[in-house]
């Protein structure tokens, strides 16, 4: 019994300490995106109509991406710290703008994760492009196109993230106060 409580304490310390919240938040975000996609496909919520299929398919492709990005911003304390600190005149415009842009980019990544998953499953894109009435050969071509879009989006996002991190590491030292890529809380320490 003592070893179980010790294990739980270690788990709490590792998962919920201030320095470990970002990986945990990322894991939860990935799980939410995956669960949302499975919920939409498993519950038969998605049924492509014969008319108005572009709007219907587009809604399933893009609205969840928008909503997930918005929720990521709503739950981002660093975004709100940055936005309100400029109003209080606490930090310079360059620092605040860079922090807000960094938080916006992180929020967009959540939406892009949805798009990669949605294009990868192909149903939403096929509905968006051809609806429920096209031939099987055309639908197969559109499915292949959707898969290629998913992979291309994933490659672009990974490459962009890699470039961003490389530039951040090379061009921004942690000790340089004007480097605005770090969070405002880093400056207050």
C-alpha atoms as a PDB file:
ATOM      1  CA  UNK A   1       0.000   0.000   0.000  1.00  0.00           C
ATOM      2  CA  UNK A   2       2.860   2.365   0.813  1.00  0.00           C
ATOM      3  CA  UNK A   3       4.459   1.714  -2.576  1.00  0.00           C
ATOM      4  CA  UNK A   4       1.194   2.573  -4.344  1.00  0.00           C
ATOM      5  CA  UNK A   5       0.910   5.908  -2.548  1.00  0.00           C
ATOM      6  CA  UNK A   6       4.589   6.606  -3.278  1.00  0.00           C
ATOM      7  CA  UNK A   7       3.963   5.823  -6.953  1.00  0.00           C
ATOM      8  CA  UNK A   8       0.930   8.136  -7.014  1.00  0.00           C
ATOM      9  CA  UNK A   9       2.946  10.933  -5.393  1.00  0.00           C
ATOM     10  CA  UNK A  10       5.722  10.563  -7.962  1.00  0.00           C
ATOM     11  CA  UNK A  11       3.139  10.532 -10.747  1.00  0.00           C
ATOM     12  CA  UNK A  12       1.485  13.688  -9.396  1.00  0.00           C
ATOM     13  CA  UNK A  13       4.817  15.446  -9.047  1.00  0.00           C
ATOM     14  CA  UNK A  14       5.956  14.516 -12.560  1.00  0.00           C
ATOM     15  CA  UNK A  15       2.689  15.148 -14.397  1.00  0.00           C
ATOM     16  CA  UNK A  16       1.342  18.165 -12.592  1.00  0.00           C
ATOM     17  CA  UNK A  17       4.403  20.202 -11.675  1.00  0.00           C
ATOM     18  CA  UNK A  18       4.625  23.614 -13.332  1.00  0.00           C
ATOM     19  CA  UNK A  19       7.422  22.549 -15.689  1.00  0.00           C
ATOM     20  CA  UNK A  20       5.528  19.450 -16.866  1.00  0.00           C
ATOM     21  CA  UNK A  21       2.160  21.029 -17.732  1.00  0.00           C
ATOM     22  CA  UNK A  22       2.939  21.602 -21.400  1.00  0.00           C
ATOM     23  CA  UNK A  23       3.540  17.915 -22.288  1.00  0.00           C
ATOM     24  CA  UNK A  24       0.441  16.929 -20.329  1.00  0.00           C
ATOM     25  CA  UNK A  25      -1.622  19.604 -22.086  1.00  0.00           C
ATOM     26  CA  UNK A  26      -0.297  18.395 -25.443  1.00  0.00           C
ATOM     27  CA  UNK A  27      -1.207  14.809 -24.624  1.00  0.00           C
ATOM     28  CA  UNK A  28      -4.716  15.813 -23.540  1.00  0.00           C
ATOM     29  CA  UNK A  29      -5.139  17.902 -26.702  1.00  0.00           C
ATOM     30  CA  UNK A  30      -4.108  15.009 -28.928  1.00  0.00           C
ATOM     31  CA  UNK A  31      -6.495  12.700 -27.115  1.00  0.00           C
ATOM     32  CA  UNK A  32      -9.357  15.199 -27.474  1.00  0.00           C
ATOM     33  CA  UNK A  33      -8.736  15.600 -31.217  1.00  0.00           C
ATOM     34  CA  UNK A  34      -8.582  11.829 -31.713  1.00  0.00           C
ATOM     35  CA  UNK A  35     -11.671  11.226 -29.549  1.00  0.00           C
ATOM     36  CA  UNK A  36     -13.641  13.896 -31.418  1.00  0.00           C
ATOM     37  CA  UNK A  37     -12.858  12.297 -34.760  1.00  0.00           C
ATOM     38  CA  UNK A  38     -13.785   8.837 -33.467  1.00  0.00           C
ATOM     39  CA  UNK A  39     -16.998  10.194 -31.958  1.00  0.00           C
ATOM     40  CA  UNK A  40     -18.052  11.798 -35.233  1.00  0.00           C
ATOM     41  CA  UNK A  41     -17.351   8.697 -37.295  1.00  0.00           C
ATOM     42  CA  UNK A  42     -18.462   6.001 -34.827  1.00  0.00           C
ATOM     43  CA  UNK A  43     -21.810   7.530 -33.873  1.00  0.00           C
ATOM     44  CA  UNK A  44     -22.809   7.872 -37.516  1.00  0.00           C
ATOM     45  CA  UNK A  45     -23.209  11.617 -36.994  1.00  0.00           C
ATOM     46  CA  UNK A  46     -21.607  12.164 -40.372  1.00  0.00           C
ATOM     47  CA  UNK A  47     -23.856  11.226 -43.296  1.00  0.00           C
ATOM     48  CA  UNK A  48     -22.988  12.918 -46.536  1.00  0.00           C
ATOM     49  CA  UNK A  49     -26.067  14.302 -48.319  1.00  0.00           C
ATOM     50  CA  UNK A  50     -26.688  14.272 -52.059  1.00  0.00           C
ATOM     51  CA  UNK A  51     -27.326  18.027 -52.114  1.00  0.00           C
ATOM     52  CA  UNK A  52     -25.418  20.673 -50.232  1.00  0.00           C
ATOM     53  CA  UNK A  53     -22.557  18.267 -49.732  1.00  0.00           C
ATOM     54  CA  UNK A  54     -19.834  20.923 -50.055  1.00  0.00           C
ATOM     55  CA  UNK A  55     -21.169  22.926 -47.125  1.00  0.00           C
ATOM     56  CA  UNK A  56     -21.772  19.779 -45.077  1.00  0.00           C
ATOM     57  CA  UNK A  57     -18.340  18.280 -45.779  1.00  0.00           C
ATOM     58  CA  UNK A  58     -16.674  21.640 -45.268  1.00  0.00           C
ATOM     59  CA  UNK A  59     -18.327  22.021 -41.892  1.00  0.00           C
ATOM     60  CA  UNK A  60     -16.924  18.678 -40.733  1.00  0.00           C
ATOM     61  CA  UNK A  61     -13.486  19.540 -42.102  1.00  0.00           C
ATOM     62  CA  UNK A  62     -13.013  23.129 -40.960  1.00  0.00           C
ATOM     63  CA  UNK A  63     -15.384  23.954 -38.083  1.00  0.00           C
ATOM     64  CA  UNK A  64     -13.798  21.494 -35.601  1.00  0.00           C
ATOM     65  CA  UNK A  65     -10.360  22.860 -36.541  1.00  0.00           C
ATOM     66  CA  UNK A  66     -11.538  26.402 -35.847  1.00  0.00           C
ATOM     67  CA  UNK A  67     -13.242  25.418 -32.572  1.00  0.00           C
ATOM     68  CA  UNK A  68     -10.235  23.456 -31.307  1.00  0.00           C
ATOM     69  CA  UNK A  69      -7.921  26.375 -32.088  1.00  0.00           C
ATOM     70  CA  UNK A  70     -10.277  28.736 -30.284  1.00  0.00           C
ATOM     71  CA  UNK A  71     -10.455  26.462 -27.257  1.00  0.00           C
ATOM     72  CA  UNK A  72      -6.666  26.213 -27.194  1.00  0.00           C
ATOM     73  CA  UNK A  73      -6.473  30.012 -27.056  1.00  0.00           C
ATOM     74  CA  UNK A  74      -9.181  30.243 -24.414  1.00  0.00           C
ATOM     75  CA  UNK A  75      -7.275  27.850 -22.156  1.00  0.00           C
ATOM     76  CA  UNK A  76      -3.841  29.395 -22.785  1.00  0.00           C
ATOM     77  CA  UNK A  77      -2.825  31.384 -19.744  1.00  0.00           C
ATOM     78  CA  UNK A  78       0.301  32.712 -21.487  1.00  0.00           C
ATOM     79  CA  UNK A  79      -1.843  34.136 -24.307  1.00  0.00           C
ATOM     80  CA  UNK A  80      -4.040  36.020 -21.863  1.00  0.00           C
ATOM     81  CA  UNK A  81      -1.043  37.129 -19.792  1.00  0.00           C
ATOM     82  CA  UNK A  82       0.529  38.550 -22.949  1.00  0.00           C
ATOM     83  CA  UNK A  83      -2.665  40.227 -24.142  1.00  0.00           C
ATOM     84  CA  UNK A  84      -3.439  41.877 -20.821  1.00  0.00           C
ATOM     85  CA  UNK A  85       0.156  42.851 -19.981  1.00  0.00           C
ATOM     86  CA  UNK A  86       0.285  45.168 -22.978  1.00  0.00           C
ATOM     87  CA  UNK A  87      -2.907  46.848 -21.839  1.00  0.00           C
ATOM     88  CA  UNK A  88      -1.310  47.453 -18.449  1.00  0.00           C
ATOM     89  CA  UNK A  89       1.841  48.765 -20.122  1.00  0.00           C
ATOM     90  CA  UNK A  90       3.963  46.191 -18.347  1.00  0.00           C
ATOM     91  CA  UNK A  91       6.034  45.051 -21.354  1.00  0.00           C
ATOM     92  CA  UNK A  92       7.071  46.475 -24.696  1.00  0.00           C
ATOM     93  CA  UNK A  93       5.009  46.006 -27.815  1.00  0.00           C
ATOM     94  CA  UNK A  94       7.647  43.821 -29.481  1.00  0.00           C
ATOM     95  CA  UNK A  95       7.747  41.312 -26.622  1.00  0.00           C
ATOM     96  CA  UNK A  96       3.977  41.152 -26.282  1.00  0.00           C
ATOM     97  CA  UNK A  97       3.381  40.838 -30.034  1.00  0.00           C
ATOM     98  CA  UNK A  98       5.917  38.037 -30.344  1.00  0.00           C
ATOM     99  CA  UNK A  99       4.412  36.152 -27.400  1.00  0.00           C
ATOM    100  CA  UNK A 100       0.905  36.509 -28.791  1.00  0.00           C
ATOM    101  CA  UNK A 101       2.058  35.295 -32.221  1.00  0.00           C
ATOM    102  CA  UNK A 102       3.766  32.304 -30.611  1.00  0.00           C
ATOM    103  CA  UNK A 103       0.602  31.416 -28.678  1.00  0.00           C
ATOM    104  CA  UNK A 104      -1.519  31.843 -31.807  1.00  0.00           C
ATOM    105  CA  UNK A 105       0.796  29.495 -33.692  1.00  0.00           C
ATOM    106  CA  UNK A 106       0.454  26.874 -30.938  1.00  0.00           C
ATOM    107  CA  UNK A 107      -3.332  27.186 -31.041  1.00  0.00           C
ATOM    108  CA  UNK A 108      -3.372  26.831 -34.821  1.00  0.00           C
ATOM    109  CA  UNK A 109      -1.385  23.612 -34.474  1.00  0.00           C
ATOM    110  CA  UNK A 110      -4.324  22.050 -32.642  1.00  0.00           C
ATOM    111  CA  UNK A 111      -6.624  22.927 -35.538  1.00  0.00           C
ATOM    112  CA  UNK A 112      -4.099  21.620 -38.026  1.00  0.00           C
ATOM    113  CA  UNK A 113      -3.906  18.362 -36.072  1.00  0.00           C
ATOM    114  CA  UNK A 114      -7.652  18.014 -36.651  1.00  0.00           C
ATOM    115  CA  UNK A 115      -7.204  18.728 -40.372  1.00  0.00           C
ATOM    116  CA  UNK A 116      -4.487  16.084 -40.699  1.00  0.00           C
ATOM    117  CA  UNK A 117      -6.719  13.560 -38.974  1.00  0.00           C
ATOM    118  CA  UNK A 118      -9.815  14.574 -40.974  1.00  0.00           C
ATOM    119  CA  UNK A 119      -7.991  14.429 -44.318  1.00  0.00           C
ATOM    120  CA  UNK A 120      -6.380  11.150 -43.265  1.00  0.00           C
ATOM    121  CA  UNK A 121      -9.732   9.462 -42.663  1.00  0.00           C
ATOM    122  CA  UNK A 122     -10.868  10.748 -46.101  1.00  0.00           C
ATOM    123  CA  UNK A 123     -14.655  10.625 -45.538  1.00  0.00           C
ATOM    124  CA  UNK A 124     -15.084  14.337 -44.847  1.00  0.00           C
ATOM    125  CA  UNK A 125     -12.990  15.361 -47.845  1.00  0.00           C
ATOM    126  CA  UNK A 126     -14.726  12.944 -50.213  1.00  0.00           C
ATOM    127  CA  UNK A 127     -18.066  14.366 -49.124  1.00  0.00           C
ATOM    128  CA  UNK A 128     -16.725  17.906 -49.522  1.00  0.00           C
ATOM    129  CA  UNK A 129     -15.492  17.221 -53.057  1.00  0.00           C
ATOM    130  CA  UNK A 130     -18.015  14.854 -54.663  1.00  0.00           C
ATOM    131  CA  UNK A 131     -20.877  14.191 -52.261  1.00  0.00           C
ATOM    132  CA  UNK A 132     -22.692  10.882 -51.990  1.00  0.00           C
ATOM    133  CA  UNK A 133     -23.496  10.325 -55.659  1.00  0.00           C
ATOM    134  CA  UNK A 134     -20.217   9.840 -57.523  1.00  0.00           C
ATOM    135  CA  UNK A 135     -18.794   6.610 -58.926  1.00  0.00           C
ATOM    136  CA  UNK A 136     -16.507   4.377 -56.896  1.00  0.00           C
ATOM    137  CA  UNK A 137     -13.465   5.045 -59.105  1.00  0.00           C
ATOM    138  CA  UNK A 138     -13.818   8.807 -58.645  1.00  0.00           C
ATOM    139  CA  UNK A 139     -14.332   8.386 -54.896  1.00  0.00           C
ATOM    140  CA  UNK A 140     -11.173   6.253 -54.707  1.00  0.00           C
ATOM    141  CA  UNK A 141      -9.209   8.979 -56.527  1.00  0.00           C
ATOM    142  CA  UNK A 142     -10.523  11.608 -54.100  1.00  0.00           C
ATOM    143  CA  UNK A 143      -9.642   9.350 -51.126  1.00  0.00           C
ATOM    144  CA  UNK A 144      -6.079   9.074 -52.411  1.00  0.00           C
ATOM    145  CA  UNK A 145      -5.977  12.850 -52.861  1.00  0.00           C
ATOM    146  CA  UNK A 146      -7.223  13.337 -49.296  1.00  0.00           C
ATOM    147  CA  UNK A 147      -4.526  11.064 -47.926  1.00  0.00           C
ATOM    148  CA  UNK A 148      -1.864  12.968 -49.868  1.00  0.00           C
ATOM    149  CA  UNK A 149      -3.197  16.264 -48.487  1.00  0.00           C
ATOM    150  CA  UNK A 150      -2.994  14.832 -44.951  1.00  0.00           C
ATOM    151  CA  UNK A 151       0.611  13.738 -45.398  1.00  0.00           C
ATOM    152  CA  UNK A 152       1.610  17.000 -47.092  1.00  0.00           C
ATOM    153  CA  UNK A 153       0.012  19.021 -44.289  1.00  0.00           C
ATOM    154  CA  UNK A 154       1.830  16.951 -41.696  1.00  0.00           C
ATOM    155  CA  UNK A 155       5.177  17.423 -43.468  1.00  0.00           C
ATOM    156  CA  UNK A 156       4.639  21.187 -43.793  1.00  0.00           C
ATOM    157  CA  UNK A 157       3.705  21.564 -40.125  1.00  0.00           C
ATOM    158  CA  UNK A 158       6.652  19.495 -38.915  1.00  0.00           C
ATOM    159  CA  UNK A 159       9.064  21.370 -41.189  1.00  0.00           C
ATOM    160  CA  UNK A 160       7.694  24.749 -40.108  1.00  0.00           C
ATOM    161  CA  UNK A 161       7.902  23.786 -36.444  1.00  0.00           C
ATOM    162  CA  UNK A 162      11.442  22.543 -36.889  1.00  0.00           C
ATOM    163  CA  UNK A 163      12.502  25.765 -38.599  1.00  0.00           C
ATOM    164  CA  UNK A 164      10.824  27.831 -35.897  1.00  0.00           C
ATOM    165  CA  UNK A 165      12.579  25.936 -33.120  1.00  0.00           C
ATOM    166  CA  UNK A 166      15.919  26.097 -34.922  1.00  0.00           C
ATOM    167  CA  UNK A 167      15.609  29.856 -35.385  1.00  0.00           C
ATOM    168  CA  UNK A 168      14.504  30.266 -31.792  1.00  0.00           C
ATOM    169  CA  UNK A 169      17.497  28.291 -30.499  1.00  0.00           C
ATOM    170  CA  UNK A 170      20.028  29.952 -32.815  1.00  0.00           C
ATOM    171  CA  UNK A 171      18.840  33.541 -32.790  1.00  0.00           C
ATOM    172  CA  UNK A 172      17.402  33.959 -29.318  1.00  0.00           C
ATOM    173  CA  UNK A 173      19.482  33.459 -26.245  1.00  0.00           C
ATOM    174  CA  UNK A 174      17.592  32.956 -22.984  1.00  0.00           C
ATOM    175  CA  UNK A 175      19.539  35.784 -21.389  1.00  0.00           C
ATOM    176  CA  UNK A 176      18.611  38.397 -23.970  1.00  0.00           C
ATOM    177  CA  UNK A 177      15.652  40.363 -22.597  1.00  0.00           C
ATOM    178  CA  UNK A 178      14.479  41.599 -25.982  1.00  0.00           C
ATOM    179  CA  UNK A 179      13.964  38.089 -27.300  1.00  0.00           C
ATOM    180  CA  UNK A 180      10.189  37.887 -27.209  1.00  0.00           C
ATOM    181  CA  UNK A 181       9.699  34.226 -27.979  1.00  0.00           C
ATOM    182  CA  UNK A 182       9.821  33.275 -24.305  1.00  0.00           C
ATOM    183  CA  UNK A 183       6.760  33.645 -22.138  1.00  0.00           C
ATOM    184  CA  UNK A 184       6.251  36.714 -20.015  1.00  0.00           C
ATOM    185  CA  UNK A 185       6.534  34.636 -16.877  1.00  0.00           C
ATOM    186  CA  UNK A 186      10.140  33.830 -17.825  1.00  0.00           C
ATOM    187  CA  UNK A 187      10.907  37.549 -17.658  1.00  0.00           C
ATOM    188  CA  UNK A 188       9.371  37.922 -14.235  1.00  0.00           C
ATOM    189  CA  UNK A 189      11.637  35.272 -12.680  1.00  0.00           C
END
